[in-house]
Protein backbone atom coordinates (compact mmCIF):
# COMPACT_ATOMS: atom_id res chain seq x y z
CA MET A 1 -20.08 -83.50 60.32
CA ASN A 2 -16.70 -84.43 61.21
CA PHE A 3 -13.66 -82.44 62.37
CA LEU A 4 -11.72 -82.61 59.26
CA VAL A 5 -14.73 -81.25 57.33
CA ALA A 6 -15.77 -78.46 59.95
CA LEU A 7 -11.40 -77.63 59.01
CA VAL A 8 -12.04 -77.21 55.25
CA LEU A 9 -15.67 -75.35 55.15
CA LEU A 10 -13.71 -72.59 58.01
CA LEU A 11 -10.49 -72.48 55.64
CA GLN A 12 -13.11 -72.04 52.54
CA GLU A 13 -15.04 -69.17 54.17
CA LYS A 14 -11.45 -67.40 56.05
CA THR A 15 -9.94 -67.96 52.05
CA ALA A 16 -13.57 -66.18 50.67
CA GLU A 17 -14.04 -63.69 53.17
CA GLU A 18 -10.45 -62.30 51.88
CA SER A 19 -11.20 -62.21 48.32
CA PHE A 20 -14.41 -60.36 49.46
CA ARG A 21 -11.64 -58.56 51.53
CA LYS A 22 -9.00 -57.30 48.59
CA ILE A 23 -12.43 -56.25 46.82
CA GLU A 24 -13.38 -54.03 48.70
CA GLU A 25 -10.20 -52.75 49.40
CA THR A 26 -9.22 -52.10 45.25
CA ILE A 27 -12.37 -50.24 45.01
CA THR A 28 -11.48 -48.27 48.88
CA LYS A 29 -7.84 -47.12 47.40
CA ALA A 30 -9.01 -46.64 43.92
CA LYS A 31 -8.09 -42.88 43.74
CA THR A 32 -11.39 -42.96 40.76
CA VAL A 33 -14.26 -45.59 40.42
CA ARG A 34 -16.42 -45.09 37.17
CA ALA A 35 -18.73 -47.93 36.80
CA LYS A 36 -21.71 -48.11 34.10
CA PHE A 37 -24.47 -50.62 34.65
CA GLU A 38 -28.46 -52.28 33.79
CA LEU A 39 -30.14 -53.61 36.74
CA THR A 40 -33.56 -55.23 37.15
CA ARG A 41 -34.92 -56.13 40.24
CA LYS A 42 -38.13 -58.41 40.63
CA THR A 43 -40.81 -58.11 43.39
CA GLY A 44 -43.35 -61.41 42.90
CA GLN A 45 -44.22 -60.47 39.71
CA GLU A 46 -43.30 -56.88 39.09
CA THR A 47 -39.95 -55.70 37.27
CA VAL A 48 -38.08 -52.56 38.01
CA GLU A 49 -35.57 -51.48 35.14
CA ALA A 50 -32.79 -49.39 36.32
CA SER A 51 -29.78 -48.11 34.14
CA GLY A 52 -27.35 -45.46 35.15
CA THR A 53 -23.40 -44.42 36.00
CA LEU A 54 -21.38 -44.17 39.20
CA LEU A 55 -18.28 -42.19 39.71
CA LEU A 56 -16.52 -41.89 43.15
CA LYS A 57 -13.29 -39.65 43.60
CA GLU A 58 -10.16 -39.26 46.12
CA GLY A 59 -11.39 -35.91 48.26
CA ASN A 60 -14.57 -37.31 48.57
CA LYS A 61 -16.59 -36.45 45.41
CA ALA A 62 -19.26 -38.44 43.59
CA ARG A 63 -21.39 -38.72 41.26
CA GLN A 64 -24.92 -41.62 40.58
CA GLU A 65 -27.45 -40.93 37.98
CA LEU A 66 -30.13 -43.41 38.08
CA LEU A 67 -33.29 -43.74 35.16
CA VAL A 68 -36.27 -46.30 36.53
CA VAL A 69 -38.27 -47.23 34.46
CA PHE A 70 -41.99 -48.76 37.03
CA PRO A 71 -43.71 -51.39 35.84
CA GLY A 72 -46.42 -49.74 32.99
CA GLY A 73 -43.50 -47.06 32.14
CA ALA A 74 -43.58 -44.79 35.05
CA LEU A 75 -39.82 -43.00 34.98
CA PHE A 76 -38.19 -41.91 37.85
CA LYS A 77 -34.31 -40.67 37.60
CA GLY A 78 -32.37 -39.48 40.40
CA ILE A 79 -29.58 -37.80 41.06
CA ILE A 80 -26.78 -38.00 43.74
CA VAL A 81 -23.76 -35.77 42.97
CA SER A 82 -21.37 -34.38 45.78
CA ASP A 83 -18.06 -32.11 45.12
CA GLY A 84 -16.47 -33.09 48.57
CA THR A 85 -18.11 -30.43 50.48
CA ASN A 86 -21.75 -30.08 50.01
CA VAL A 87 -23.95 -33.07 48.19
CA ARG A 88 -27.27 -32.73 46.42
CA TYR A 89 -29.67 -35.05 45.88
CA THR A 90 -33.10 -35.74 44.45
CA ASN A 91 -35.70 -36.14 47.14
CA ALA A 92 -39.20 -36.15 47.22
CA VAL A 93 -40.82 -33.32 48.11
CA GLY A 94 -44.58 -34.80 47.48
CA ASP A 95 -46.74 -37.42 45.76
CA ASP A 96 -44.12 -38.03 42.18
CA ALA A 97 -42.56 -34.18 42.83
CA PHE A 98 -39.26 -34.02 42.73
CA ALA A 99 -36.78 -31.52 43.59
CA LEU A 100 -32.98 -31.31 44.34
CA GLU A 101 -31.84 -30.91 48.08
CA LYS A 102 -28.52 -29.95 49.61
CA LYS A 103 -26.78 -30.31 52.60
CA LYS A 104 -23.20 -31.78 53.93
CA ALA A 105 -21.28 -34.04 52.37
CA PRO A 106 -20.70 -36.20 55.39
CA ASP A 107 -16.88 -38.26 55.87
CA HIS A 108 -18.58 -41.26 55.08
CA LEU A 109 -20.26 -40.75 51.59
CA LEU A 110 -17.40 -43.20 49.54
CA ARG A 111 -18.04 -45.88 51.97
CA SER A 112 -21.57 -45.95 51.71
CA PHE A 113 -21.61 -46.19 48.04
CA ILE A 114 -18.95 -48.77 48.13
CA VAL A 115 -21.78 -50.46 50.71
CA THR A 116 -24.57 -50.27 47.53
CA VAL A 117 -21.30 -51.49 45.11
CA LEU A 118 -20.84 -55.08 47.50
CA GLN A 119 -23.34 -55.67 49.80
CA LEU A 120 -26.73 -53.06 49.15
CA PRO A 121 -28.20 -52.85 45.67
CA LEU A 122 -27.19 -50.01 43.95
CA LEU A 123 -30.91 -49.55 43.06
CA ASP A 124 -31.34 -48.88 47.43
CA SER A 125 -28.25 -45.98 47.33
CA SER A 126 -31.63 -43.86 47.87
CA MET A 127 -31.36 -45.38 51.65
CA MET A 128 -28.65 -42.53 51.67
CA THR A 129 -31.13 -40.06 51.74
CA ASN A 130 -34.48 -40.93 52.97
CA PHE A 131 -35.19 -40.33 56.46
CA SER A 132 -32.00 -38.72 56.61
CA ARG A 133 -31.45 -35.42 59.25
CA ASP A 134 -29.43 -32.99 59.67
CA GLY A 135 -27.06 -35.08 57.27
CA LEU A 136 -26.59 -38.28 55.20
CA ASN A 137 -27.13 -42.53 55.96
CA ASP A 138 -24.17 -44.20 56.45
CA VAL A 139 -25.91 -47.33 55.25
CA SER A 140 -22.56 -49.37 55.95
CA LYS A 141 -23.78 -49.44 59.93
CA TYR A 142 -27.00 -50.90 58.24
CA VAL A 143 -25.51 -54.14 56.60
CA SER A 144 -23.51 -57.16 58.00
CA ALA A 145 -21.63 -59.23 55.31
CA ARG A 146 -20.81 -63.14 56.72
CA GLU A 147 -21.23 -67.06 55.97
CA PHE A 148 -18.64 -66.31 52.51
CA LYS A 149 -17.88 -68.71 50.31
CA HIS A 150 -16.29 -69.14 46.68
CA GLY A 151 -18.99 -70.49 43.19
CA GLU A 152 -18.46 -72.11 40.88
CA GLY A 153 -17.75 -68.88 38.24
CA GLY A 154 -17.28 -69.15 34.24
CA LYS A 155 -17.27 -66.34 31.23
CA GLU A 156 -18.69 -63.69 33.50
CA GLY A 157 -16.13 -64.10 36.56
CA SER A 158 -15.18 -65.52 39.23
CA LEU A 159 -17.74 -66.35 41.60
CA LEU A 160 -18.43 -64.99 45.55
CA LEU A 161 -21.35 -66.29 47.16
CA TYR A 162 -22.12 -64.66 50.98
CA LYS A 163 -25.07 -63.77 53.21
CA GLY A 164 -25.90 -60.95 55.20
CA LEU A 165 -28.61 -59.26 57.75
CA LEU A 166 -29.93 -55.79 57.72
CA ASP A 167 -30.36 -52.86 60.24
CA PHE A 168 -32.15 -50.11 59.00
CA THR A 169 -31.71 -48.10 62.71
CA GLY A 170 -28.40 -48.49 62.00
CA ARG A 171 -27.40 -49.94 65.63
CA GLN A 172 -26.11 -52.70 64.01
CA LYS A 173 -27.46 -54.94 66.05
CA PHE A 174 -28.39 -57.89 63.32
CA ALA A 175 -30.31 -59.83 65.24
CA ASN A 176 -33.49 -60.51 63.54
CA PRO A 177 -33.23 -63.06 60.80
CA ALA A 178 -36.22 -62.14 58.94
CA LEU A 179 -33.83 -59.19 57.65
CA SER A 180 -31.78 -60.62 55.12
CA PHE A 181 -29.39 -60.64 52.52
CA GLU A 182 -27.78 -62.76 49.87
CA VAL A 183 -25.32 -62.35 47.25
CA LYS A 184 -23.65 -63.69 44.19
CA LEU A 185 -20.33 -61.92 42.85
CA TRP A 186 -18.56 -62.35 39.36
CA TYR A 187 -15.45 -60.31 39.53
CA ASP A 188 -12.63 -60.21 37.33
CA PRO A 189 -9.68 -62.19 39.45
CA LYS A 190 -7.47 -59.84 37.81
CA THR A 191 -8.15 -56.49 38.66
CA TRP A 192 -10.93 -57.84 41.54
CA THR A 193 -13.30 -55.77 40.26
CA PRO A 194 -17.37 -56.72 40.13
CA ARG A 195 -18.88 -58.00 36.54
CA LYS A 196 -22.30 -58.65 38.02
CA ARG A 197 -24.20 -59.21 40.77
CA GLU A 198 -27.46 -60.76 42.10
CA VAL A 199 -28.70 -59.43 45.66
CA THR A 200 -31.52 -61.15 46.78
CA MET A 201 -32.69 -58.80 49.97
CA LYS A 202 -35.61 -60.61 52.67
CA ILE A 203 -37.38 -57.75 54.80
CA GLY A 204 -40.75 -59.83 56.24
CA ALA A 205 -42.31 -62.34 54.30
CA ALA A 206 -40.89 -59.56 51.07
CA SER A 207 -38.59 -60.68 49.68
CA SER A 208 -37.25 -59.14 45.89
CA THR A 209 -34.28 -60.27 43.95
CA THR A 210 -31.80 -57.68 42.18
CA THR A 211 -29.74 -58.07 38.94
CA GLU A 212 -26.79 -56.17 38.35
CA THR A 213 -24.36 -55.79 35.39
CA TYR A 214 -21.64 -54.01 34.35
CA GLU A 215 -20.55 -53.07 31.34
CA GLN A 216 -17.95 -50.87 32.57
CA PHE A 217 -15.78 -51.01 35.79
CA VAL A 218 -12.53 -48.86 35.83
CA LEU A 219 -10.20 -47.34 37.98
CA ASP A 220 -7.95 -45.22 38.36
CA GLU A 221 -8.75 -42.89 35.40
CA ASP A 222 -8.95 -39.11 35.14
CA LEU A 223 -12.59 -37.86 35.45
CA PRO A 224 -14.10 -34.44 34.52
CA LYS A 225 -14.01 -31.59 37.54
CA GLU A 226 -17.29 -30.71 36.46
CA LYS A 227 -18.73 -34.32 37.26
CA PHE A 228 -18.65 -32.93 40.19
CA ASP A 229 -19.24 -29.85 40.26
CA LEU A 230 -23.13 -28.80 42.83
CA SER A 231 -24.12 -25.61 40.19
CA ALA A 232 -24.46 -27.64 36.69
CA LEU A 233 -27.68 -29.00 38.17
CA ASP A 234 -29.17 -26.19 37.94
CA ALA A 235 -29.33 -26.38 33.92
CA PRO A 236 -32.02 -27.88 32.30
CA ASP A 237 -32.30 -31.52 32.36
CA SER A 238 -32.05 -33.37 28.39
CA GLY A 239 -34.04 -37.07 30.02
CA GLU A 240 -31.39 -39.29 28.45
CA ASP A 241 -30.48 -42.38 30.05
CA PRO A 242 -27.16 -41.59 32.14
CA ALA A 243 -26.20 -45.48 30.76
CA LYS A 244 -26.17 -44.48 27.53
CA LYS A 245 -23.81 -41.33 27.24
CA ASP A 246 -20.02 -41.52 27.29
CA LYS A 247 -17.52 -40.61 29.59
């Protein structure tokens, strides 16, 4: 590879990374985020489908609802809600048994959610709560994105490609190439918001690809305070698909 080609590739990666940081900054600085999405995950011959909503609001407030359909038709409904001070979330308490657990909302909560919007799949937001002890896990310490490139977009928007390494210990070593992810992110170049994403995760010999489609991704609109009311979670569950709810 001659010097000129290397320089062009370096400049392209820098420009593509700037686009990624612009998307990240746009979401981070928004007063509110409201997203409605559907996704599929393929692992070998098995397919998992899910739909859900994600609400983020300044003041460390958040609400994510997921309805997951596993092969064979088994259903799981998960929820994570923060009122800014405390967070309640669905937690496994036994085989096929779940309950709402309560903990103090960590300062990194919104940052962790943004990681699941741009790097880890939304379906893996449970990494924030799984095996967490005193608080919730900071999943921003699990990922390191790199090798940014622009791709050829289309009707779904501009295309950004990037790769990264994983470290589930949170020590940020990122030294094991067997723990990696690759992302294709289609985004609106005018609003810098995601439209579609494809995430391939490789953990040892296992590989899965999650495709997420955003029906809505709206910034800076008013969100009802009731959405972040922890006491409302004690009400009976309607079992309604969260992606089919109104605002």
